[in-house]
Structures are given as C-alpha cells and as structure tokens.
C-alpha cells in the first residue's frame, strides 16, 4: 500500500509539472484557467496522499480551503470570461483564410 501511495504521489507531481507547462503556453485565458483548476485539484490530491502516508487528519481544514478556493476561482473565471463569437470557434478553410 505504501508503494502505491508513493506512485500516486509521483504521478500527481509529474502531472502538476506538465500542467504548469500548459499554464505557461496556453493560447487563451480559458486554457490557463483550466490549467489552474487542474493544479488546484492536483494539490488537493497531494495533500490527500500525504495524509494517507503520515496518518495525519489535522490537514483536513487545508483540504476544505483548497477545494473552496478551486471552486470559487473556477466559477469566477467562468462568470467573467467572454464568450467567443461563432467565427472564432470554427476552423477556417483555405479560401476563407485568404
């Protein structure tokens, strides 16, 4: 069981690193917002794995704060993001691009 928890911890850290790359190169602000939401979820997962490894339950308020921040941040970004127009959402043909 300990080996499984360490594998989960490593997978979460590697995933968080890859999402940091997406956060840096994301072409739109919504891509960056999704990356930030995934980073928050990964941080929650890391805290859960640390709680399971160490047997500590005093980190539970930290989980509540992290999940609240993630939820409020995601809903705020979704509320104030601008909707794209129809022409921005589709891929242009070669004739339309010229």
PDB file of N, CA and C in Angstrom:
ATOM      1  N   UNK A   1       0.832  -1.201   0.000  1.00  0.00           N
ATOM      2  CA  UNK A   1       0.000   0.000   0.000  1.00  0.00           C
ATOM      3  C   UNK A   1       0.871   1.256   0.000  1.00  0.00           C
ATOM      4  N   UNK A   2       1.965   1.232   0.716  1.00  0.00           N
ATOM      5  CA  UNK A   2       2.849   2.394   0.769  1.00  0.00           C
ATOM      6  C   UNK A   2       3.431   2.681  -0.610  1.00  0.00           C
ATOM      7  N   UNK A   3       3.788   1.623  -1.334  1.00  0.00           N
ATOM      8  CA  UNK A   3       4.351   1.806  -2.672  1.00  0.00           C
ATOM      9  C   UNK A   3       3.310   2.436  -3.593  1.00  0.00           C
ATOM     10  N   UNK A   4       2.079   2.026  -3.470  1.00  0.00           N
ATOM     11  CA  UNK A   4       1.007   2.590  -4.290  1.00  0.00           C
ATOM     12  C   UNK A   4       0.814   4.074  -4.000  1.00  0.00           C
ATOM     13  N   UNK A   5       0.892   4.440  -2.744  1.00  0.00           N
ATOM     14  CA  UNK A   5       0.746   5.855  -2.390  1.00  0.00           C
ATOM     15  C   UNK A   5       1.898   6.691  -2.947  1.00  0.00           C
ATOM     16  N   UNK A   6       3.112   6.144  -2.902  1.00  0.00           N
ATOM     17  CA  UNK A   6       4.244   6.878  -3.465  1.00  0.00           C
ATOM     18  C   UNK A   6       4.119   6.992  -4.978  1.00  0.00           C
ATOM     19  N   UNK A   7       3.596   5.957  -5.632  1.00  0.00           N
ATOM     20  CA  UNK A   7       3.375   6.035  -7.083  1.00  0.00           C
ATOM     21  C   UNK A   7       2.326   7.099  -7.390  1.00  0.00           C
ATOM     22  N   UNK A   8       1.268   7.145  -6.605  1.00  0.00           N
ATOM     23  CA  UNK A   8       0.238   8.182  -6.793  1.00  0.00           C
ATOM     24  C   UNK A   8       0.814   9.572  -6.569  1.00  0.00           C
ATOM     25  N   UNK A   9       1.646   9.705  -5.542  1.00  0.00           N
ATOM     26  CA  UNK A   9       2.276  10.990  -5.263  1.00  0.00           C
ATOM     27  C   UNK A   9       3.151  11.432  -6.432  1.00  0.00           C
ATOM     28  N   UNK A  10       3.951  10.508  -6.965  1.00  0.00           N
ATOM     29  CA  UNK A  10       4.818  10.835  -8.108  1.00  0.00           C
ATOM     30  C   UNK A  10       3.998  11.195  -9.338  1.00  0.00           C
ATOM     31  N   UNK A  11       2.909  10.465  -9.572  1.00  0.00           N
ATOM     32  CA  UNK A  11       2.065  10.763 -10.728  1.00  0.00           C
ATOM     33  C   UNK A  11       1.427  12.145 -10.604  1.00  0.00           C
ATOM     34  N   UNK A  12       1.003  12.506  -9.410  1.00  0.00           N
ATOM     35  CA  UNK A  12       0.413  13.829  -9.204  1.00  0.00           C
ATOM     36  C   UNK A  12       1.438  14.938  -9.405  1.00  0.00           C
ATOM     37  N   UNK A  13       2.651  14.728  -8.928  1.00  0.00           N
ATOM     38  CA  UNK A  13       3.691  15.752  -9.087  1.00  0.00           C
ATOM     39  C   UNK A  13       4.076  15.890 -10.555  1.00  0.00           C
ATOM     40  N   UNK A  14       4.208  14.772 -11.272  1.00  0.00           N
ATOM     41  CA  UNK A  14       4.534  14.829 -12.702  1.00  0.00           C
ATOM     42  C   UNK A  14       3.402  15.499 -13.479  1.00  0.00           C
ATOM     43  N   UNK A  15       2.171  15.139 -13.150  1.00  0.00           N
ATOM     44  CA  UNK A  15       1.028  15.771 -13.806  1.00  0.00           C
ATOM     45  C   UNK A  15       0.965  17.259 -13.545  1.00  0.00           C
ATOM     46  N   UNK A  16       1.273  17.656 -12.317  1.00  0.00           N
ATOM     47  CA  UNK A  16       1.276  19.079 -11.995  1.00  0.00           C
ATOM     48  C   UNK A  16       2.355  19.812 -12.779  1.00  0.00           C
ATOM     49  N   UNK A  17       3.497  19.179 -12.953  1.00  0.00           N
ATOM     50  CA  UNK A  17       4.558  19.789 -13.755  1.00  0.00           C
ATOM     51  C   UNK A  17       4.151  19.970 -15.210  1.00  0.00           C
ATOM     52  N   UNK A  18       3.475  18.964 -15.763  1.00  0.00           N
ATOM     53  CA  UNK A  18       3.017  19.082 -17.150  1.00  0.00           C
ATOM     54  C   UNK A  18       1.947  20.155 -17.297  1.00  0.00           C
ATOM     55  N   UNK A  19       1.098  20.275 -16.299  1.00  0.00           N
ATOM     56  CA  UNK A  19       0.055  21.307 -16.351  1.00  0.00           C
ATOM     57  C   UNK A  19       0.664  22.697 -16.202  1.00  0.00           C
ATOM     58  N   UNK A  20       1.769  22.812 -15.472  1.00  0.00           N
ATOM     59  CA  UNK A  20       2.457  24.106 -15.391  1.00  0.00           C
ATOM     60  C   UNK A  20       2.950  24.544 -16.763  1.00  0.00           C
ATOM     61  N   UNK A  21       3.373  23.581 -17.578  1.00  0.00           N
ATOM     62  CA  UNK A  21       3.769  23.909 -18.948  1.00  0.00           C
ATOM     63  C   UNK A  21       2.562  24.421 -19.731  1.00  0.00           C
ATOM     64  N   UNK A  22       1.411  23.761 -19.571  1.00  0.00           N
ATOM     65  CA  UNK A  22       0.191  24.219 -20.258  1.00  0.00           C
ATOM     66  C   UNK A  22      -0.218  25.596 -19.753  1.00  0.00           C
ATOM     67  N   UNK A  23      -0.017  25.845 -18.479  1.00  0.00           N
ATOM     68  CA  UNK A  23      -0.340  27.163 -17.927  1.00  0.00           C
ATOM     69  C   UNK A  23       0.515  28.239 -18.566  1.00  0.00           C
ATOM     70  N   UNK A  24       1.763  27.916 -18.854  1.00  0.00           N
ATOM     71  CA  UNK A  24       2.674  28.882 -19.452  1.00  0.00           C
ATOM     72  C   UNK A  24       2.363  29.127 -20.927  1.00  0.00           C
ATOM     73  N   UNK A  25       2.087  28.065 -21.694  1.00  0.00           N
ATOM     74  CA  UNK A  25       1.948  28.233 -23.144  1.00  0.00           C
ATOM     75  C   UNK A  25       0.504  28.265 -23.615  1.00  0.00           C
ATOM     76  N   UNK A  26      -0.457  28.209 -22.702  1.00  0.00           N
ATOM     77  CA  UNK A  26      -1.863  28.196 -23.096  1.00  0.00           C
ATOM     78  C   UNK A  26      -2.210  29.367 -23.994  1.00  0.00           C
ATOM     79  N   UNK A  27      -2.802  29.100 -25.167  1.00  0.00           N
ATOM     80  CA  UNK A  27      -3.056  30.204 -26.086  1.00  0.00           C
ATOM     81  C   UNK A  27      -4.150  31.165 -25.607  1.00  0.00           C
ATOM     82  N   UNK A  28      -5.091  30.684 -24.824  1.00  0.00           N
ATOM     83  CA  UNK A  28      -6.161  31.571 -24.364  1.00  0.00           C
ATOM     84  C   UNK A  28      -6.177  31.612 -22.840  1.00  0.00           C
ATOM     85  N   UNK A  29      -6.879  32.582 -22.332  1.00  0.00           N
ATOM     86  CA  UNK A  29      -7.000  32.695 -20.878  1.00  0.00           C
ATOM     87  C   UNK A  29      -7.830  31.557 -20.291  1.00  0.00           C
ATOM     88  N   UNK A  30      -8.776  31.026 -21.064  1.00  0.00           N
ATOM     89  CA  UNK A  30      -9.570  29.914 -20.551  1.00  0.00           C
ATOM     90  C   UNK A  30      -8.725  28.651 -20.432  1.00  0.00           C
ATOM     91  N   UNK A  31      -7.758  28.461 -21.332  1.00  0.00           N
ATOM     92  CA  UNK A  31      -6.828  27.343 -21.186  1.00  0.00           C
ATOM     93  C   UNK A  31      -6.021  27.479 -19.906  1.00  0.00           C
ATOM     94  N   UNK A  32      -5.611  28.679 -19.622  1.00  0.00           N
ATOM     95  CA  UNK A  32      -4.859  28.921 -18.391  1.00  0.00           C
ATOM     96  C   UNK A  32      -5.742  28.724 -17.156  1.00  0.00           C
ATOM     97  N   UNK A  33      -7.008  29.070 -17.263  1.00  0.00           N
ATOM     98  CA  UNK A  33      -7.924  28.886 -16.142  1.00  0.00           C
ATOM     99  C   UNK A  33      -8.143  27.400 -15.861  1.00  0.00           C
ATOM    100  N   UNK A  34      -8.284  26.608 -16.907  1.00  0.00           N
ATOM    101  CA  UNK A  34      -8.446  25.169 -16.726  1.00  0.00           C
ATOM    102  C   UNK A  34      -7.177  24.572 -16.133  1.00  0.00           C
ATOM    103  N   UNK A  35      -6.024  25.037 -16.584  1.00  0.00           N
ATOM    104  CA  UNK A  35      -4.764  24.546 -16.038  1.00  0.00           C
ATOM    105  C   UNK A  35      -4.649  24.895 -14.556  1.00  0.00           C
ATOM    106  N   UNK A  36      -5.064  26.073 -14.187  1.00  0.00           N
ATOM    107  CA  UNK A  36      -5.027  26.471 -12.777  1.00  0.00           C
ATOM    108  C   UNK A  36      -5.980  25.623 -11.942  1.00  0.00           C
ATOM    109  N   UNK A  37      -7.117  25.271 -12.502  1.00  0.00           N
ATOM    110  CA  UNK A  37      -8.064  24.413 -11.808  1.00  0.00           C
ATOM    111  C   UNK A  37      -7.482  23.008 -11.625  1.00  0.00           C
ATOM    112  N   UNK A  38      -6.785  22.509 -12.626  1.00  0.00           N
ATOM    113  CA  UNK A  38      -6.153  21.182 -12.513  1.00  0.00           C
ATOM    114  C   UNK A  38      -5.025  21.219 -11.483  1.00  0.00           C
ATOM    115  N   UNK A  39      -4.300  22.317 -11.422  1.00  0.00           N
ATOM    116  CA  UNK A  39      -3.244  22.442 -10.418  1.00  0.00           C
ATOM    117  C   UNK A  39      -3.847  22.425  -9.015  1.00  0.00           C
ATOM    118  N   UNK A  40      -4.965  23.092  -8.832  1.00  0.00           N
ATOM    119  CA  UNK A  40      -5.632  23.077  -7.527  1.00  0.00           C
ATOM    120  C   UNK A  40      -6.102  21.675  -7.174  1.00  0.00           C
ATOM    121  N   UNK A  41      -6.672  20.965  -8.141  1.00  0.00           N
ATOM    122  CA  UNK A  41      -7.117  19.598  -7.889  1.00  0.00           C
ATOM    123  C   UNK A  41      -5.931  18.677  -7.594  1.00  0.00           C
ATOM    124  N   UNK A  42      -4.819  18.895  -8.283  1.00  0.00           N
ATOM    125  CA  UNK A  42      -3.619  18.095  -8.008  1.00  0.00           C
ATOM    126  C   UNK A  42      -3.074  18.388  -6.612  1.00  0.00           C
ATOM    127  N   UNK A  43      -3.130  19.628  -6.205  1.00  0.00           N
ATOM    128  CA  UNK A  43      -2.677  19.978  -4.855  1.00  0.00           C
ATOM    129  C   UNK A  43      -3.549  19.295  -3.807  1.00  0.00           C
ATOM    130  N   UNK A  44      -4.842  19.225  -4.053  1.00  0.00           N
ATOM    131  CA  UNK A  44      -5.739  18.510  -3.144  1.00  0.00           C
ATOM    132  C   UNK A  44      -5.352  17.034  -3.100  1.00  0.00           C
ATOM    133  N   UNK A  45      -5.076  16.456  -4.258  1.00  0.00           N
ATOM    134  CA  UNK A  45      -4.662  15.052  -4.302  1.00  0.00           C
ATOM    135  C   UNK A  45      -3.365  14.806  -3.565  1.00  0.00           C
ATOM    136  N   UNK A  46      -2.418  15.718  -3.694  1.00  0.00           N
ATOM    137  CA  UNK A  46      -1.143  15.574  -2.991  1.00  0.00           C
ATOM    138  C   UNK A  46      -1.344  15.636  -1.482  1.00  0.00           C
ATOM    139  N   UNK A  47      -2.195  16.540  -1.037  1.00  0.00           N
ATOM    140  CA  UNK A  47      -2.461  16.632   0.407  1.00  0.00           C
ATOM    141  C   UNK A  47      -3.149  15.357   0.900  1.00  0.00           C
ATOM    142  N   UNK A  48      -4.045  14.799   0.107  1.00  0.00           N
ATOM    143  CA  UNK A  48      -4.720  13.559   0.497  1.00  0.00           C
ATOM    144  C   UNK A  48      -3.717  12.416   0.599  1.00  0.00           C
ATOM    145  N   UNK A  49      -2.812  12.322  -0.377  1.00  0.00           N
ATOM    146  CA  UNK A  49      -1.795  11.266  -0.327  1.00  0.00           C
ATOM    147  C   UNK A  49      -0.877  11.456   0.875  1.00  0.00           C
ATOM    148  N   UNK A  50      -0.503  12.693   1.162  1.00  0.00           N
ATOM    149  CA  UNK A  50       0.323  12.953   2.344  1.00  0.00           C
ATOM    150  C   UNK A  50      -0.413  12.587   3.628  1.00  0.00           C
ATOM    151  N   UNK A  51      -1.710  12.854   3.668  1.00  0.00           N
ATOM    152  CA  UNK A  51      -2.490  12.467   4.840  1.00  0.00           C
ATOM    153  C   UNK A  51      -2.522  10.952   4.992  1.00  0.00           C
ATOM    154  N   UNK A  52      -2.636  10.237   3.872  1.00  0.00           N
ATOM    155  CA  UNK A  52      -2.661   8.778   3.940  1.00  0.00           C
ATOM    156  C   UNK A  52      -1.299   8.214   4.323  1.00  0.00           C
ATOM    157  N   UNK A  53      -0.229   8.833   3.840  1.00  0.00           N
ATOM    158  CA  UNK A  53       1.115   8.345   4.165  1.00  0.00           C
ATOM    159  C   UNK A  53       1.486   8.567   5.623  1.00  0.00           C
ATOM    160  N   UNK A  54       1.133   9.733   6.143  1.00  0.00           N
ATOM    161  CA  UNK A  54       1.549  10.083   7.503  1.00  0.00           C
ATOM    162  C   UNK A  54       0.504   9.758   8.557  1.00  0.00           C
ATOM    163  N   UNK A  55      -0.734   9.525   8.145  1.00  0.00           N
ATOM    164  CA  UNK A  55      -1.786   9.236   9.112  1.00  0.00           C
ATOM    165  C   UNK A  55      -2.300  10.459   9.844  1.00  0.00           C
ATOM    166  N   UNK A  56      -2.009  11.631   9.312  1.00  0.00           N
ATOM    167  CA  UNK A  56      -2.453  12.874   9.953  1.00  0.00           C
ATOM    168  C   UNK A  56      -3.840  13.246   9.463  1.00  0.00           C
ATOM    169  N   UNK A  57      -4.685  13.657  10.362  1.00  0.00           N
ATOM    170  CA  UNK A  57      -6.010  14.134   9.990  1.00  0.00           C
ATOM    171  C   UNK A  57      -6.150  15.633  10.231  1.00  0.00           C
ATOM    172  N   UNK A  58      -5.100  16.260  10.751  1.00  0.00           N
ATOM    173  CA  UNK A  58      -5.180  17.691  11.023  1.00  0.00           C
ATOM    174  C   UNK A  58      -5.029  18.526   9.750  1.00  0.00           C
ATOM    175  N   UNK A  59      -4.781  17.884   8.613  1.00  0.00           N
ATOM    176  CA  UNK A  59      -4.692  18.609   7.346  1.00  0.00           C
ATOM    177  C   UNK A  59      -6.049  18.746   6.652  1.00  0.00           C
ATOM    178  N   UNK A  60      -7.088  18.234   7.274  1.00  0.00           N
ATOM    179  CA  UNK A  60      -8.417  18.302   6.680  1.00  0.00           C
ATOM    180  C   UNK A  60      -8.900  19.740   6.446  1.00  0.00           C
ATOM    181  N   UNK A  61      -8.666  20.687   7.350  1.00  0.00           N
ATOM    182  CA  UNK A  61      -9.063  22.074   7.041  1.00  0.00           C
ATOM    183  C   UNK A  61      -8.344  22.638   5.821  1.00  0.00           C
ATOM    184  N   UNK A  62      -7.109  22.203   5.600  1.00  0.00           N
ATOM    185  CA  UNK A  62      -6.395  22.634   4.400  1.00  0.00           C
ATOM    186  C   UNK A  62      -7.095  22.129   3.146  1.00  0.00           C
ATOM    187  N   UNK A  63      -7.623  20.913   3.194  1.00  0.00           N
ATOM    188  CA  UNK A  63      -8.379  20.387   2.056  1.00  0.00           C
ATOM    189  C   UNK A  63      -9.634  21.203   1.797  1.00  0.00           C
ATOM    190  N   UNK A  64     -10.303  21.579   2.853  1.00  0.00           N
ATOM    191  CA  UNK A  64     -11.518  22.387   2.703  1.00  0.00           C
ATOM    192  C   UNK A  64     -11.188  23.733   2.069  1.00  0.00           C
ATOM    193  N   UNK A  65     -10.113  24.350   2.508  1.00  0.00           N
ATOM    194  CA  UNK A  65      -9.715  25.645   1.953  1.00  0.00           C
ATOM    195  C   UNK A  65      -9.309  25.496   0.488  1.00  0.00           C
ATOM    196  N   UNK A  66      -8.518  24.478   0.165  1.00  0.00           N
ATOM    197  CA  UNK A  66      -8.077  24.291  -1.219  1.00  0.00           C
ATOM    198  C   UNK A  66      -9.250  24.023  -2.156  1.00  0.00           C
ATOM    199  N   UNK A  67     -10.178  23.182  -1.740  1.00  0.00           N
ATOM    200  CA  UNK A  67     -11.320  22.907  -2.610  1.00  0.00           C
ATOM    201  C   UNK A  67     -12.220  24.133  -2.750  1.00  0.00           C
ATOM    202  N   UNK A  68     -12.360  24.907  -1.681  1.00  0.00           N
ATOM    203  CA  UNK A  68     -13.168  26.134  -1.767  1.00  0.00           C
ATOM    204  C   UNK A  68     -12.530  27.151  -2.704  1.00  0.00           C
ATOM    205  N   UNK A  69     -11.225  27.319  -2.590  1.00  0.00           N
ATOM    206  CA  UNK A  69     -10.518  28.254  -3.472  1.00  0.00           C
ATOM    207  C   UNK A  69     -10.629  27.804  -4.923  1.00  0.00           C
ATOM    208  N   UNK A  70     -10.482  26.504  -5.164  1.00  0.00           N
ATOM    209  CA  UNK A  70     -10.612  25.988  -6.527  1.00  0.00           C
ATOM    210  C   UNK A  70     -11.995  26.217  -7.104  1.00  0.00           C
ATOM    211  N   UNK A  71     -13.019  25.948  -6.307  1.00  0.00           N
ATOM    212  CA  UNK A  71     -14.388  26.126  -6.778  1.00  0.00           C
ATOM    213  C   UNK A  71     -14.712  27.598  -7.028  1.00  0.00           C
ATOM    214  N   UNK A  72     -14.377  28.447  -6.082  1.00  0.00           N
ATOM    215  CA  UNK A  72     -14.672  29.880  -6.233  1.00  0.00           C
ATOM    216  C   UNK A  72     -13.889  30.474  -7.392  1.00  0.00           C
ATOM    217  N   UNK A  73     -12.631  30.066  -7.541  1.00  0.00           N
ATOM    218  CA  UNK A  73     -11.828  30.562  -8.660  1.00  0.00           C
ATOM    219  C   UNK A  73     -12.384  30.137 -10.005  1.00  0.00           C
ATOM    220  N   UNK A  74     -12.790  28.879 -10.110  1.00  0.00           N
ATOM    221  CA  UNK A  74     -13.336  28.384 -11.383  1.00  0.00           C
ATOM    222  C   UNK A  74     -14.648  29.063 -11.740  1.00  0.00           C
ATOM    223  N   UNK A  75     -15.519  29.199 -10.760  1.00  0.00           N
ATOM    224  CA  UNK A  75     -16.796  29.839 -11.056  1.00  0.00           C
ATOM    225  C   UNK A  75     -16.635  31.325 -11.356  1.00  0.00           C
ATOM    226  N   UNK A  76     -15.684  31.983 -10.719  1.00  0.00           N
ATOM    227  CA  UNK A  76     -15.443  33.399 -11.001  1.00  0.00           C
ATOM    228  C   UNK A  76     -14.907  33.588 -12.413  1.00  0.00           C
ATOM    229  N   UNK A  77     -13.969  32.743 -12.809  1.00  0.00           N
ATOM    230  CA  UNK A  77     -13.418  32.842 -14.157  1.00  0.00           C
ATOM    231  C   UNK A  77     -14.490  32.532 -15.184  1.00  0.00           C
ATOM    232  N   UNK A  78     -15.307  31.522 -14.917  1.00  0.00           N
ATOM    233  CA  UNK A  78     -16.384  31.178 -15.855  1.00  0.00           C
ATOM    234  C   UNK A  78     -17.412  32.310 -15.942  1.00  0.00           C
ATOM    235  N   UNK A  79     -17.646  32.984 -14.851  1.00  0.00           N
ATOM    236  CA  UNK A  79     -18.648  34.067 -14.835  1.00  0.00           C
ATOM    237  C   UNK A  79     -18.182  35.271 -15.637  1.00  0.00           C
ATOM    238  N   UNK A  80     -16.900  35.605 -15.542  1.00  0.00           N
ATOM    239  CA  UNK A  80     -16.420  36.821 -16.173  1.00  0.00           C
ATOM    240  C   UNK A  80     -15.695  36.597 -17.493  1.00  0.00           C
ATOM    241  N   UNK A  81     -15.624  35.370 -17.960  1.00  0.00           N
ATOM    242  CA  UNK A  81     -14.975  35.137 -19.254  1.00  0.00           C
ATOM    243  C   UNK A  81     -15.934  35.528 -20.373  1.00  0.00           C
ATOM    244  N   UNK A  82     -15.363  36.004 -21.442  1.00  0.00           N
ATOM    245  CA  UNK A  82     -16.172  36.433 -22.566  1.00  0.00           C
ATOM    246  C   UNK A  82     -16.442  35.246 -23.481  1.00  0.00           C
ATOM    247  N   UNK A  83     -17.643  35.192 -23.995  1.00  0.00           N
ATOM    248  CA  UNK A  83     -17.989  34.140 -24.941  1.00  0.00           C
ATOM    249  C   UNK A  83     -17.390  34.474 -26.300  1.00  0.00           C
ATOM    250  N   UNK A  84     -16.867  33.452 -26.958  1.00  0.00           N
ATOM    251  CA  UNK A  84     -16.290  33.659 -28.279  1.00  0.00           C
ATOM    252  C   UNK A  84     -17.407  33.717 -29.314  1.00  0.00           C
ATOM    253  N   UNK A  85     -17.161  34.461 -30.362  1.00  0.00           N
ATOM    254  CA  UNK A  85     -18.152  34.515 -31.428  1.00  0.00           C
ATOM    255  C   UNK A  85     -18.077  33.232 -32.250  1.00  0.00           C
ATOM    256  N   UNK A  86     -19.099  33.008 -33.076  1.00  0.00           N
ATOM    257  CA  UNK A  86     -19.163  31.792 -33.892  1.00  0.00           C
ATOM    258  C   UNK A  86     -17.981  31.725 -34.845  1.00  0.00           C
ATOM    259  N   UNK A  87     -17.572  32.833 -35.411  1.00  0.00           N
ATOM    260  CA  UNK A  87     -16.478  32.816 -36.375  1.00  0.00           C
ATOM    261  C   UNK A  87     -15.138  32.483 -35.721  1.00  0.00           C
ATOM    262  N   UNK A  88     -14.994  32.760 -34.436  1.00  0.00           N
ATOM    263  CA  UNK A  88     -13.750  32.450 -33.742  1.00  0.00           C
ATOM    264  C   UNK A  88     -13.654  30.984 -33.343  1.00  0.00           C
ATOM    265  N   UNK A  89     -14.787  30.289 -33.284  1.00  0.00           N
ATOM    266  CA  UNK A  89     -14.793  28.918 -32.801  1.00  0.00           C
ATOM    267  C   UNK A  89     -14.480  27.890 -33.876  1.00  0.00           C
ATOM    268  N   UNK A  90     -14.675  28.211 -35.110  1.00  0.00           N
ATOM    269  CA  UNK A  90     -14.516  27.178 -36.137  1.00  0.00           C
ATOM    270  C   UNK A  90     -13.210  27.352 -36.887  1.00  0.00           C
ATOM    271  N   UNK A  91     -12.786  26.259 -37.516  1.00  0.00           N
ATOM    272  CA  UNK A  91     -11.564  26.265 -38.299  1.00  0.00           C
ATOM    273  C   UNK A  91     -11.885  26.802 -39.688  1.00  0.00           C
ATOM    274  N   UNK A  92     -11.110  27.760 -40.146  1.00  0.00           N
ATOM    275  CA  UNK A  92     -11.345  28.371 -41.446  1.00  0.00           C
ATOM    276  C   UNK A  92     -10.784  27.501 -42.555  1.00  0.00           C
ATOM    277  N   UNK A  93     -11.462  27.507 -43.690  1.00  0.00           N
ATOM    278  CA  UNK A  93     -10.926  26.815 -44.865  1.00  0.00           C
ATOM    279  C   UNK A  93      -9.830  27.666 -45.476  1.00  0.00           C
ATOM    280  N   UNK A  94      -9.130  27.104 -46.472  1.00  0.00           N
ATOM    281  CA  UNK A  94      -8.026  27.834 -47.104  1.00  0.00           C
ATOM    282  C   UNK A  94      -8.546  29.076 -47.831  1.00  0.00           C
ATOM    283  N   UNK A  95      -9.712  28.961 -48.430  1.00  0.00           N
ATOM    284  CA  UNK A  95     -10.287  30.104 -49.146  1.00  0.00           C
ATOM    285  C   UNK A  95     -10.708  31.211 -48.179  1.00  0.00           C
ATOM    286  N   UNK A  96     -11.271  30.832 -47.059  1.00  0.00           N
ATOM    287  CA  UNK A  96     -11.705  31.833 -46.079  1.00  0.00           C
ATOM    288  C   UNK A  96     -10.504  32.522 -45.423  1.00  0.00           C
ATOM    289  N   UNK A  97      -9.446  31.792 -45.203  1.00  0.00           N
ATOM    290  CA  UNK A  97      -8.267  32.368 -44.588  1.00  0.00           C
ATOM    291  C   UNK A  97      -7.564  33.352 -45.507  1.00  0.00           C
ATOM    292  N   UNK A  98      -7.690  33.142 -46.821  1.00  0.00           N
ATOM    293  CA  UNK A  98      -7.033  34.038 -47.794  1.00  0.00           C
ATOM    294  C   UNK A  98      -7.856  35.255 -48.029  1.00  0.00           C
TER     295      UNK A  98
END
